[in-house]
N, C-alpha and C. Protein backbone atom coordinates (compact mmCIF):
# COMPACT_ATOMS: atom_id res chain seq x y z
N MET A 1 -20.63 -5.84 20.91
CA MET A 1 -19.56 -4.91 20.82
C MET A 1 -20.00 -3.79 19.95
N ARG A 2 -19.72 -2.60 20.28
CA ARG A 2 -20.18 -1.44 19.49
C ARG A 2 -19.06 -0.46 19.35
N ILE A 3 -19.31 0.53 18.34
CA ILE A 3 -18.38 1.55 18.12
C ILE A 3 -18.65 2.65 19.13
N VAL A 4 -17.55 3.12 19.83
CA VAL A 4 -17.79 3.99 21.04
C VAL A 4 -18.16 5.44 20.63
N ALA A 5 -17.54 6.13 19.70
CA ALA A 5 -17.75 7.50 19.25
C ALA A 5 -17.60 7.81 17.89
N GLY A 6 -17.94 9.10 17.49
CA GLY A 6 -17.59 9.42 16.14
C GLY A 6 -18.91 9.22 15.32
N ARG A 7 -18.59 9.30 13.87
CA ARG A 7 -19.63 9.09 12.96
C ARG A 7 -20.46 7.78 13.20
N TYR A 8 -19.94 6.56 13.54
CA TYR A 8 -20.52 5.33 13.48
C TYR A 8 -20.75 4.94 14.96
N ARG A 9 -20.83 6.04 15.94
CA ARG A 9 -21.10 5.59 17.17
C ARG A 9 -22.31 4.87 17.47
N GLY A 10 -22.32 3.71 18.24
CA GLY A 10 -23.35 2.85 18.55
C GLY A 10 -23.48 1.71 17.48
N ARG A 11 -22.69 1.67 16.41
CA ARG A 11 -22.83 0.66 15.43
C ARG A 11 -22.37 -0.68 16.16
N ARG A 12 -23.10 -1.73 15.80
CA ARG A 12 -22.75 -2.91 16.42
C ARG A 12 -21.79 -3.61 15.39
N LEU A 13 -20.79 -4.39 16.03
CA LEU A 13 -19.69 -5.04 15.11
C LEU A 13 -19.97 -6.53 15.60
N GLN A 14 -19.69 -7.28 14.34
CA GLN A 14 -19.73 -8.76 14.44
C GLN A 14 -18.38 -9.21 15.08
N VAL A 15 -18.32 -10.14 15.76
CA VAL A 15 -17.07 -10.72 16.28
C VAL A 15 -17.15 -12.31 16.09
N PRO A 16 -15.94 -12.82 15.54
CA PRO A 16 -15.90 -14.37 15.26
C PRO A 16 -16.18 -15.06 16.54
N ALA A 17 -16.72 -16.32 16.24
CA ALA A 17 -16.98 -17.09 17.51
C ALA A 17 -15.63 -17.75 18.00
N GLY A 18 -15.66 -18.09 19.11
CA GLY A 18 -14.48 -18.96 19.65
C GLY A 18 -13.52 -17.81 20.41
N HIS A 19 -12.37 -18.42 20.68
CA HIS A 19 -11.38 -17.56 21.49
C HIS A 19 -10.14 -17.20 20.59
N ASP A 20 -10.15 -17.38 19.23
CA ASP A 20 -9.06 -16.82 18.59
C ASP A 20 -8.93 -15.52 18.32
N VAL A 21 -10.05 -14.75 18.45
CA VAL A 21 -10.04 -13.24 18.34
C VAL A 21 -10.67 -12.64 19.59
N ARG A 22 -9.94 -11.81 20.25
CA ARG A 22 -10.34 -11.17 21.54
C ARG A 22 -10.34 -9.60 21.22
N PRO A 23 -11.49 -9.08 20.87
CA PRO A 23 -11.52 -7.69 20.52
C PRO A 23 -11.30 -6.80 21.66
N SER A 24 -10.67 -5.63 21.46
CA SER A 24 -10.37 -4.59 22.57
C SER A 24 -11.76 -4.18 23.13
N SER A 25 -11.82 -4.10 24.56
CA SER A 25 -13.05 -3.82 25.24
C SER A 25 -13.45 -2.32 24.72
N GLU A 26 -14.78 -2.05 24.92
CA GLU A 26 -15.16 -0.62 24.61
C GLU A 26 -14.37 0.29 25.57
N ARG A 27 -14.27 -0.11 26.77
CA ARG A 27 -13.61 0.83 27.72
C ARG A 27 -12.13 1.10 27.30
N SER A 28 -11.39 0.07 26.87
CA SER A 28 -9.90 0.43 26.53
C SER A 28 -9.94 1.20 25.13
N ARG A 29 -10.89 0.87 24.24
CA ARG A 29 -10.94 1.54 23.01
C ARG A 29 -11.28 3.06 23.22
N GLU A 30 -12.10 3.30 24.09
CA GLU A 30 -12.62 4.71 24.27
C GLU A 30 -11.32 5.37 25.05
N ALA A 31 -10.67 4.85 25.96
CA ALA A 31 -9.55 5.43 26.57
C ALA A 31 -8.33 5.71 25.61
N LEU A 32 -8.19 4.71 24.74
CA LEU A 32 -7.11 4.83 23.64
C LEU A 32 -7.38 5.98 22.82
N PHE A 33 -8.62 5.95 22.26
CA PHE A 33 -9.01 7.11 21.26
C PHE A 33 -9.16 8.53 21.94
N ASN A 34 -9.46 8.62 23.35
CA ASN A 34 -9.52 9.84 23.95
C ASN A 34 -8.02 10.49 24.09
N ILE A 35 -7.06 9.43 24.34
CA ILE A 35 -5.68 9.82 24.50
C ILE A 35 -5.32 10.29 23.12
N LEU A 36 -5.62 9.67 22.19
CA LEU A 36 -5.12 10.01 20.79
C LEU A 36 -5.74 11.47 20.45
N GLU A 37 -7.06 11.66 20.63
CA GLU A 37 -7.72 12.85 20.20
C GLU A 37 -7.40 14.12 21.25
N SER A 38 -6.81 13.79 22.36
CA SER A 38 -6.54 15.02 23.31
C SER A 38 -5.29 15.65 22.73
N GLY A 39 -4.36 14.99 21.97
CA GLY A 39 -3.29 15.67 21.46
C GLY A 39 -2.15 15.72 22.51
N ARG A 40 -2.25 15.09 23.47
CA ARG A 40 -1.08 15.01 24.67
C ARG A 40 0.00 14.31 24.02
N LEU A 41 0.01 13.38 23.18
CA LEU A 41 1.12 12.70 22.72
C LEU A 41 1.55 13.22 21.37
N THR A 42 0.89 14.19 20.78
CA THR A 42 1.14 14.66 19.35
C THR A 42 1.15 16.19 19.35
N GLU A 43 1.87 16.73 20.30
CA GLU A 43 2.09 18.12 20.28
C GLU A 43 0.81 18.94 20.09
N GLY A 44 -0.17 18.51 20.73
CA GLY A 44 -1.44 19.30 20.73
C GLY A 44 -2.28 19.01 19.52
N GLN A 45 -1.88 18.14 18.72
CA GLN A 45 -2.62 17.81 17.35
C GLN A 45 -3.55 16.63 17.70
N HIS A 46 -4.74 16.75 17.09
CA HIS A 46 -5.71 15.67 17.12
C HIS A 46 -5.12 14.59 16.28
N ALA A 47 -4.65 13.52 16.86
CA ALA A 47 -3.95 12.45 16.06
C ALA A 47 -4.62 11.67 15.25
N VAL A 48 -6.09 11.65 15.26
CA VAL A 48 -6.83 10.60 14.35
C VAL A 48 -7.36 11.43 13.09
N ARG A 49 -7.91 12.47 13.20
CA ARG A 49 -8.51 13.21 11.98
C ARG A 49 -7.61 13.39 11.01
N GLY A 50 -7.94 12.72 9.80
CA GLY A 50 -7.17 12.90 8.60
C GLY A 50 -5.92 11.99 8.49
N ALA A 51 -5.94 11.00 9.68
CA ALA A 51 -4.65 10.17 9.60
C ALA A 51 -4.81 8.97 8.74
N ARG A 52 -3.60 8.37 8.33
CA ARG A 52 -3.45 7.10 7.80
C ARG A 52 -3.21 6.08 8.97
N VAL A 53 -3.99 5.00 9.03
CA VAL A 53 -3.95 4.23 10.01
C VAL A 53 -3.67 2.63 9.77
N LEU A 54 -2.97 2.00 10.28
CA LEU A 54 -2.68 0.63 10.24
C LEU A 54 -3.50 -0.08 11.36
N ASP A 55 -4.41 -0.97 11.21
CA ASP A 55 -4.91 -1.82 12.09
C ASP A 55 -4.29 -3.28 11.89
N ALA A 56 -3.16 -3.48 12.73
CA ALA A 56 -2.52 -4.78 12.56
C ALA A 56 -3.09 -5.86 13.58
N PHE A 57 -3.13 -7.09 13.09
CA PHE A 57 -3.96 -8.18 13.75
C PHE A 57 -5.22 -7.58 13.79
N ALA A 58 -5.97 -7.27 12.94
CA ALA A 58 -7.31 -6.39 12.88
C ALA A 58 -8.45 -7.11 13.44
N GLY A 59 -8.40 -8.48 13.32
CA GLY A 59 -9.52 -9.27 13.91
C GLY A 59 -10.81 -8.80 13.34
N SER A 60 -11.75 -8.34 14.20
CA SER A 60 -13.08 -7.81 13.81
C SER A 60 -13.01 -6.37 13.12
N GLY A 61 -11.82 -5.86 13.31
CA GLY A 61 -11.61 -4.34 12.61
C GLY A 61 -12.10 -3.37 13.60
N ALA A 62 -12.40 -3.72 14.92
CA ALA A 62 -12.73 -2.64 15.79
C ALA A 62 -11.89 -1.38 16.08
N LEU A 63 -10.70 -1.56 16.14
CA LEU A 63 -9.72 -0.50 16.32
C LEU A 63 -9.81 0.33 15.02
N GLY A 64 -9.60 -0.18 13.90
CA GLY A 64 -9.51 0.49 12.70
C GLY A 64 -10.75 1.22 12.36
N ILE A 65 -12.07 0.54 12.59
CA ILE A 65 -13.27 1.15 12.39
C ILE A 65 -13.48 2.36 13.33
N GLU A 66 -13.13 2.21 14.59
CA GLU A 66 -13.09 3.36 15.54
C GLU A 66 -12.37 4.47 15.05
N ALA A 67 -11.22 4.30 14.46
CA ALA A 67 -10.23 5.23 13.97
C ALA A 67 -11.07 6.02 12.78
N LEU A 68 -11.77 5.15 11.88
CA LEU A 68 -12.47 5.70 10.69
C LEU A 68 -13.77 6.60 11.22
N SER A 69 -14.30 5.96 12.32
CA SER A 69 -15.48 6.86 12.82
C SER A 69 -15.15 8.05 13.47
N ARG A 70 -13.79 8.28 13.92
CA ARG A 70 -13.47 9.39 14.34
C ARG A 70 -12.56 10.45 13.34
N GLY A 71 -12.63 10.01 12.10
CA GLY A 71 -12.09 10.81 11.08
C GLY A 71 -10.82 10.52 10.41
N ALA A 72 -10.40 9.23 10.53
CA ALA A 72 -9.21 8.89 9.86
C ALA A 72 -9.44 8.87 8.30
N SER A 73 -8.48 9.18 7.52
CA SER A 73 -8.73 9.33 6.18
C SER A 73 -8.47 8.12 5.30
N GLU A 74 -7.68 7.22 5.87
CA GLU A 74 -7.21 5.90 5.21
C GLU A 74 -6.93 4.90 6.19
N VAL A 75 -7.51 3.68 6.12
CA VAL A 75 -7.28 2.75 7.17
C VAL A 75 -6.89 1.29 6.45
N PHE A 76 -5.99 0.70 6.81
CA PHE A 76 -5.42 -0.52 6.35
C PHE A 76 -5.79 -1.54 7.58
N PHE A 77 -6.31 -2.65 7.11
CA PHE A 77 -6.73 -3.82 8.10
C PHE A 77 -5.87 -4.96 7.60
N LEU A 78 -5.02 -5.22 8.61
CA LEU A 78 -4.00 -6.43 8.28
C LEU A 78 -4.45 -7.58 9.06
N GLU A 79 -5.00 -8.63 8.38
CA GLU A 79 -5.47 -9.80 9.01
C GLU A 79 -5.43 -11.03 8.12
N GLN A 80 -5.20 -12.23 8.66
CA GLN A 80 -5.05 -13.42 7.69
C GLN A 80 -5.96 -14.46 8.30
N ALA A 81 -6.51 -14.48 9.39
CA ALA A 81 -7.46 -15.60 9.82
C ALA A 81 -8.82 -15.44 9.07
N PRO A 82 -9.26 -16.62 8.30
CA PRO A 82 -10.41 -16.51 7.50
C PRO A 82 -11.60 -16.12 8.31
N ALA A 83 -11.95 -16.66 9.44
CA ALA A 83 -13.08 -16.31 10.30
C ALA A 83 -13.14 -14.77 10.59
N ALA A 84 -11.88 -14.27 10.99
CA ALA A 84 -11.98 -12.85 11.28
C ALA A 84 -12.08 -11.97 10.11
N LEU A 85 -11.53 -12.42 9.03
CA LEU A 85 -11.71 -11.75 7.63
C LEU A 85 -13.15 -11.69 7.31
N ARG A 86 -13.82 -12.67 7.52
CA ARG A 86 -15.44 -12.68 7.22
C ARG A 86 -16.12 -11.59 8.05
N CYS A 87 -15.78 -11.59 9.39
CA CYS A 87 -16.42 -10.59 10.40
C CYS A 87 -15.93 -9.27 10.01
N LEU A 88 -14.74 -9.08 9.49
CA LEU A 88 -14.23 -7.70 9.22
C LEU A 88 -14.91 -7.20 7.99
N ARG A 89 -15.09 -8.03 6.89
CA ARG A 89 -15.71 -7.63 5.78
C ARG A 89 -17.27 -7.32 6.06
N GLN A 90 -17.78 -8.12 6.84
CA GLN A 90 -19.23 -7.69 7.32
C GLN A 90 -19.28 -6.42 8.06
N ASN A 91 -18.39 -6.21 9.11
CA ASN A 91 -18.34 -4.99 9.84
C ASN A 91 -18.07 -3.60 8.86
N LEU A 92 -17.25 -4.01 7.65
CA LEU A 92 -17.14 -2.78 6.95
C LEU A 92 -18.15 -2.50 5.96
N GLN A 93 -19.18 -3.53 5.64
CA GLN A 93 -20.30 -3.39 4.77
C GLN A 93 -21.11 -2.36 5.12
N GLY A 94 -21.66 -1.42 4.34
CA GLY A 94 -22.50 -0.40 4.49
C GLY A 94 -21.96 0.88 5.14
N LEU A 95 -20.72 0.89 5.45
CA LEU A 95 -20.20 2.17 5.90
C LEU A 95 -19.94 3.12 4.94
N GLU A 96 -20.71 4.22 5.08
CA GLU A 96 -20.64 5.24 4.14
C GLU A 96 -19.56 6.25 4.53
N SER A 97 -18.47 6.16 3.72
CA SER A 97 -17.28 6.83 4.06
C SER A 97 -16.45 7.37 2.78
N SER A 98 -15.83 8.46 3.01
CA SER A 98 -15.02 8.92 1.79
C SER A 98 -13.50 8.40 2.21
N ALA A 99 -13.34 7.82 3.20
CA ALA A 99 -12.12 7.36 3.64
C ALA A 99 -11.65 6.19 2.70
N SER A 100 -10.39 6.01 2.49
CA SER A 100 -10.00 4.67 1.79
C SER A 100 -9.76 3.65 2.67
N LEU A 101 -10.34 2.33 2.39
CA LEU A 101 -10.33 1.33 3.11
C LEU A 101 -9.65 0.08 2.46
N HIS A 102 -8.72 -0.53 3.22
CA HIS A 102 -7.90 -1.53 2.63
C HIS A 102 -7.87 -2.81 3.45
N ILE A 103 -8.30 -3.94 2.89
CA ILE A 103 -8.20 -5.17 3.63
C ILE A 103 -6.96 -5.88 3.11
N LEU A 104 -6.01 -6.17 3.92
CA LEU A 104 -4.85 -6.92 3.37
C LEU A 104 -4.84 -8.38 4.04
N LYS A 105 -5.01 -9.42 3.30
CA LYS A 105 -4.88 -10.78 3.93
C LYS A 105 -3.42 -11.06 4.00
N GLU A 106 -2.88 -10.68 5.07
CA GLU A 106 -1.47 -10.71 5.30
C GLU A 106 -1.26 -10.96 6.63
N ASP A 107 0.02 -11.49 6.94
CA ASP A 107 0.65 -11.78 8.32
C ASP A 107 1.15 -10.57 8.78
N ALA A 108 0.96 -10.07 9.99
CA ALA A 108 1.63 -8.81 10.46
C ALA A 108 3.09 -9.01 10.81
N LEU A 109 3.38 -10.43 10.93
CA LEU A 109 4.76 -10.87 11.21
C LEU A 109 5.61 -10.85 9.90
N ASN A 110 4.98 -10.92 8.85
CA ASN A 110 5.57 -10.90 7.46
C ASN A 110 4.63 -10.01 6.52
N PRO A 111 4.63 -8.66 6.91
CA PRO A 111 3.62 -7.66 6.18
C PRO A 111 4.25 -7.56 4.68
N PRO A 112 3.20 -7.10 3.83
CA PRO A 112 3.66 -6.51 2.55
C PRO A 112 4.31 -5.28 2.67
N PRO A 113 5.16 -4.85 1.71
CA PRO A 113 5.68 -3.47 1.84
C PRO A 113 4.76 -2.43 1.75
N ALA A 114 4.87 -1.31 2.47
CA ALA A 114 3.96 -0.28 2.51
C ALA A 114 4.49 0.73 1.48
N GLU A 115 3.52 1.44 0.76
CA GLU A 115 3.94 2.50 -0.08
C GLU A 115 4.53 3.72 0.59
N ARG A 116 4.06 3.97 1.91
CA ARG A 116 4.68 4.93 2.80
C ARG A 116 4.27 4.59 4.19
N PRO A 117 4.92 5.28 5.22
CA PRO A 117 4.51 4.89 6.53
C PRO A 117 3.11 5.53 6.90
N VAL A 118 2.50 4.81 7.97
CA VAL A 118 1.27 5.28 8.46
C VAL A 118 1.56 6.33 9.55
N ASP A 119 0.55 7.10 9.78
CA ASP A 119 0.70 7.99 10.96
C ASP A 119 0.40 7.44 12.36
N ILE A 120 -0.60 6.37 12.31
CA ILE A 120 -0.79 5.63 13.44
C ILE A 120 -0.94 4.12 13.24
N LEU A 121 -0.27 3.30 14.10
CA LEU A 121 -0.43 1.88 14.20
C LEU A 121 -1.25 1.49 15.37
N LEU A 122 -2.27 0.74 15.14
CA LEU A 122 -3.08 0.10 16.17
C LEU A 122 -2.93 -1.21 16.24
N MET A 123 -2.47 -1.93 17.24
CA MET A 123 -2.05 -3.25 17.29
C MET A 123 -2.57 -3.95 18.48
N ASP A 124 -3.32 -4.92 18.29
CA ASP A 124 -3.93 -5.75 19.37
C ASP A 124 -3.63 -7.24 19.22
N PRO A 125 -2.46 -7.69 19.22
CA PRO A 125 -2.24 -9.15 18.90
C PRO A 125 -2.77 -10.10 20.12
N PRO A 126 -2.92 -11.40 19.77
CA PRO A 126 -3.34 -12.29 20.92
C PRO A 126 -2.34 -12.12 21.94
N TYR A 127 -2.88 -12.21 23.23
CA TYR A 127 -1.94 -12.08 24.31
C TYR A 127 -1.18 -13.24 24.56
N GLY A 128 -0.01 -13.06 25.23
CA GLY A 128 0.91 -14.03 25.65
C GLY A 128 1.68 -14.82 24.60
N GLN A 129 1.78 -14.31 23.50
CA GLN A 129 2.46 -15.00 22.47
C GLN A 129 3.77 -14.28 21.84
N GLY A 130 4.24 -13.13 22.60
CA GLY A 130 5.28 -12.55 22.13
C GLY A 130 5.17 -11.81 20.81
N LEU A 131 3.94 -11.56 20.19
CA LEU A 131 3.95 -11.15 18.91
C LEU A 131 4.25 -9.68 18.61
N THR A 132 4.16 -8.89 19.71
CA THR A 132 4.41 -7.56 19.45
C THR A 132 5.89 -7.36 19.29
N ALA A 133 6.86 -8.05 20.00
CA ALA A 133 8.23 -7.83 19.77
C ALA A 133 8.77 -8.33 18.32
N ARG A 134 7.78 -9.19 17.65
CA ARG A 134 8.21 -9.76 16.35
C ARG A 134 7.58 -8.77 15.26
N ALA A 135 6.38 -8.31 15.50
CA ALA A 135 5.70 -7.52 14.63
C ALA A 135 6.25 -6.26 14.42
N LEU A 136 6.41 -5.40 15.36
CA LEU A 136 6.96 -4.04 15.30
C LEU A 136 8.22 -3.91 14.53
N PRO A 137 9.15 -4.76 14.63
CA PRO A 137 10.48 -4.70 13.56
C PRO A 137 10.04 -5.01 12.27
N ALA A 138 9.01 -6.05 12.03
CA ALA A 138 8.65 -6.36 10.74
C ALA A 138 7.93 -5.31 9.97
N LEU A 139 7.01 -4.76 10.61
CA LEU A 139 6.39 -3.56 10.02
C LEU A 139 7.19 -2.35 9.75
N THR A 140 8.21 -2.11 10.70
CA THR A 140 9.28 -1.07 10.47
C THR A 140 10.02 -1.38 9.16
N GLU A 141 10.54 -2.64 9.03
CA GLU A 141 11.36 -2.90 7.94
C GLU A 141 10.75 -2.83 6.57
N LYS A 142 9.35 -3.18 6.56
CA LYS A 142 8.53 -3.04 5.56
C LYS A 142 8.00 -1.54 5.12
N GLY A 143 8.43 -0.76 5.96
CA GLY A 143 8.09 0.68 5.72
C GLY A 143 6.78 1.12 6.14
N TRP A 144 6.08 0.52 7.11
CA TRP A 144 4.82 0.82 7.63
C TRP A 144 4.97 1.88 8.71
N LEU A 145 6.10 1.78 9.38
CA LEU A 145 6.43 2.64 10.52
C LEU A 145 7.62 3.39 10.21
N ASP A 146 7.67 4.73 10.75
CA ASP A 146 8.98 5.46 10.73
C ASP A 146 8.92 6.41 12.03
N GLY A 147 9.80 7.25 12.14
CA GLY A 147 9.95 8.21 13.35
C GLY A 147 8.79 8.98 13.74
N ASP A 148 7.90 9.21 12.64
CA ASP A 148 6.66 9.95 13.03
C ASP A 148 5.29 9.15 13.27
N THR A 149 5.67 7.83 13.07
CA THR A 149 4.36 6.90 13.43
C THR A 149 4.11 6.87 14.93
N LEU A 150 3.08 6.98 15.41
CA LEU A 150 2.63 6.63 16.83
C LEU A 150 2.01 5.31 16.82
N ALA A 151 2.77 4.37 17.53
CA ALA A 151 2.32 2.94 17.61
C ALA A 151 1.51 2.76 18.96
N VAL A 152 0.46 2.16 18.92
CA VAL A 152 -0.49 1.97 20.07
C VAL A 152 -0.61 0.37 20.10
N VAL A 153 -0.14 -0.25 21.12
CA VAL A 153 -0.14 -1.70 21.41
C VAL A 153 -0.96 -1.90 22.44
N GLU A 154 -2.11 -2.83 22.35
CA GLU A 154 -2.84 -3.41 23.45
C GLU A 154 -2.17 -4.86 23.90
N SER A 155 -1.92 -4.99 25.07
CA SER A 155 -1.29 -6.38 25.50
C SER A 155 -1.79 -6.70 26.77
N ALA A 156 -1.66 -7.88 27.22
CA ALA A 156 -1.96 -8.38 28.67
C ALA A 156 -1.16 -7.46 29.51
N ARG A 157 -1.59 -7.11 30.71
CA ARG A 157 -0.90 -6.44 31.67
C ARG A 157 0.40 -6.89 31.95
N LYS A 158 1.38 -6.10 31.82
CA LYS A 158 2.92 -6.52 32.27
C LYS A 158 3.39 -7.35 31.14
N GLU A 159 2.76 -7.68 30.05
CA GLU A 159 3.34 -8.54 29.03
C GLU A 159 4.45 -7.75 28.25
N LEU A 160 4.30 -6.44 28.07
CA LEU A 160 5.32 -5.68 27.18
C LEU A 160 6.22 -4.88 28.21
N GLN A 161 6.83 -5.63 29.05
CA GLN A 161 7.70 -4.89 29.91
C GLN A 161 9.08 -4.43 29.18
N ALA A 162 9.64 -5.42 28.46
CA ALA A 162 10.84 -5.11 27.63
C ALA A 162 10.33 -4.54 26.23
N LEU A 163 10.57 -3.45 25.85
CA LEU A 163 10.20 -2.77 24.66
C LEU A 163 11.00 -3.30 23.49
N PRO A 164 10.48 -3.40 22.44
CA PRO A 164 11.32 -3.83 21.24
C PRO A 164 12.35 -2.78 21.07
N ALA A 165 13.57 -3.24 20.42
CA ALA A 165 14.64 -2.29 20.17
C ALA A 165 14.19 -1.23 19.27
N ASP A 166 14.65 -0.11 19.49
CA ASP A 166 14.48 1.21 18.57
C ASP A 166 13.10 1.79 19.18
N PHE A 167 12.50 1.38 20.02
CA PHE A 167 11.25 1.95 20.33
C PHE A 167 11.33 2.60 21.62
N GLN A 168 10.63 3.75 22.07
CA GLN A 168 10.65 4.37 23.29
C GLN A 168 9.15 4.42 23.80
N LEU A 169 9.03 4.21 24.95
CA LEU A 169 7.68 4.37 25.66
C LEU A 169 7.33 5.80 25.92
N LEU A 170 6.14 6.21 25.36
CA LEU A 170 5.60 7.59 25.66
C LEU A 170 4.62 7.63 26.72
N ASP A 171 3.85 6.60 26.92
CA ASP A 171 2.86 6.38 27.84
C ASP A 171 2.37 5.00 28.05
N ARG A 172 1.88 4.68 29.27
CA ARG A 172 1.38 3.35 29.48
C ARG A 172 0.08 3.40 30.35
N ARG A 173 -0.93 2.78 30.01
CA ARG A 173 -2.03 2.83 30.85
C ARG A 173 -2.74 1.38 31.03
N THR A 174 -3.38 1.01 32.09
CA THR A 174 -3.79 -0.26 32.42
C THR A 174 -5.44 -0.23 32.61
N TYR A 175 -6.09 -1.04 31.90
CA TYR A 175 -7.56 -1.10 31.98
C TYR A 175 -7.98 -2.60 32.24
N GLY A 176 -8.26 -2.90 33.45
CA GLY A 176 -8.51 -4.39 33.72
C GLY A 176 -7.20 -5.25 33.56
N ARG A 177 -7.54 -6.24 32.58
CA ARG A 177 -6.42 -7.16 32.11
C ARG A 177 -5.62 -6.58 31.04
N ALA A 178 -6.06 -5.61 30.44
CA ALA A 178 -5.38 -4.92 29.20
C ALA A 178 -4.50 -3.77 29.64
N GLU A 179 -3.43 -3.75 28.86
CA GLU A 179 -2.45 -2.51 29.01
C GLU A 179 -2.30 -1.89 27.65
N LEU A 180 -2.37 -0.67 27.63
CA LEU A 180 -2.18 0.16 26.42
C LEU A 180 -0.86 0.86 26.57
N SER A 181 0.01 0.52 25.41
CA SER A 181 1.44 1.10 25.44
C SER A 181 1.37 2.05 24.19
N PHE A 182 1.97 3.25 24.22
CA PHE A 182 2.02 4.20 23.30
C PHE A 182 3.48 4.40 23.05
N LEU A 183 3.94 3.96 21.85
CA LEU A 183 5.37 3.94 21.48
C LEU A 183 5.77 4.79 20.10
N MET A 184 6.95 5.11 20.07
CA MET A 184 7.43 5.82 18.79
C MET A 184 8.75 5.20 18.58
N LEU A 185 9.01 4.99 17.30
CA LEU A 185 10.43 4.69 16.76
C LEU A 185 11.36 5.55 17.12
N THR A 186 12.59 5.26 17.82
CA THR A 186 13.48 6.22 18.19
C THR A 186 14.56 6.56 17.17
N LYS A 187 14.75 5.64 16.13
CA LYS A 187 15.84 5.83 15.17
C LYS A 187 15.15 5.75 13.77
N ALA A 188 15.72 6.47 12.82
CA ALA A 188 15.29 6.32 11.37
C ALA A 188 15.56 5.06 10.73
N ARG A 189 14.61 4.57 10.03
CA ARG A 189 14.91 3.36 9.35
C ARG A 189 16.04 3.46 8.30
N THR A 190 16.73 2.52 8.19
CA THR A 190 17.66 2.53 7.19
C THR A 190 17.38 1.89 6.00
N ALA A 191 17.62 2.38 4.66
CA ALA A 191 17.12 1.88 3.54
C ALA A 191 17.83 0.71 2.96
């Protein structure tokens, strides 16, 4: 598996052995970031350059590193599985970047409080376990998301038919078995 574009284009990434981590395919990652960079969902603005990004269920870190490669200014990697954390740390080694990188050994279903919301949430939880419907409200409650955060969720095709409460669907694309859903919070978080 490799980084698709940007500063680290072509860089190989380590992936944990086994079936616990299923990284996003290069095809779906390329499509996801082309949509973000086109500005179609963000009033013509390049969504990634200078953005604060949360890669929840980070696994190998492929989504967050792709965001970093394309100009994100700060990336948080939220992962708790030991094997995935080892690969994530390996994948981040040697990256020369002025961006702030943070590895949080935490559960996306019970995340730590955020200092402030991120601009983009990238989330690729294990398929078929209903984790999106539980993680989005938890991340919102802990201050990671607000009405300006663009949330991108990769799921199995047709897995995310019912959207979590308070989220609206901006766009949905299918790539093989994977489906990308672009969401935004519809109402402000109450303190």
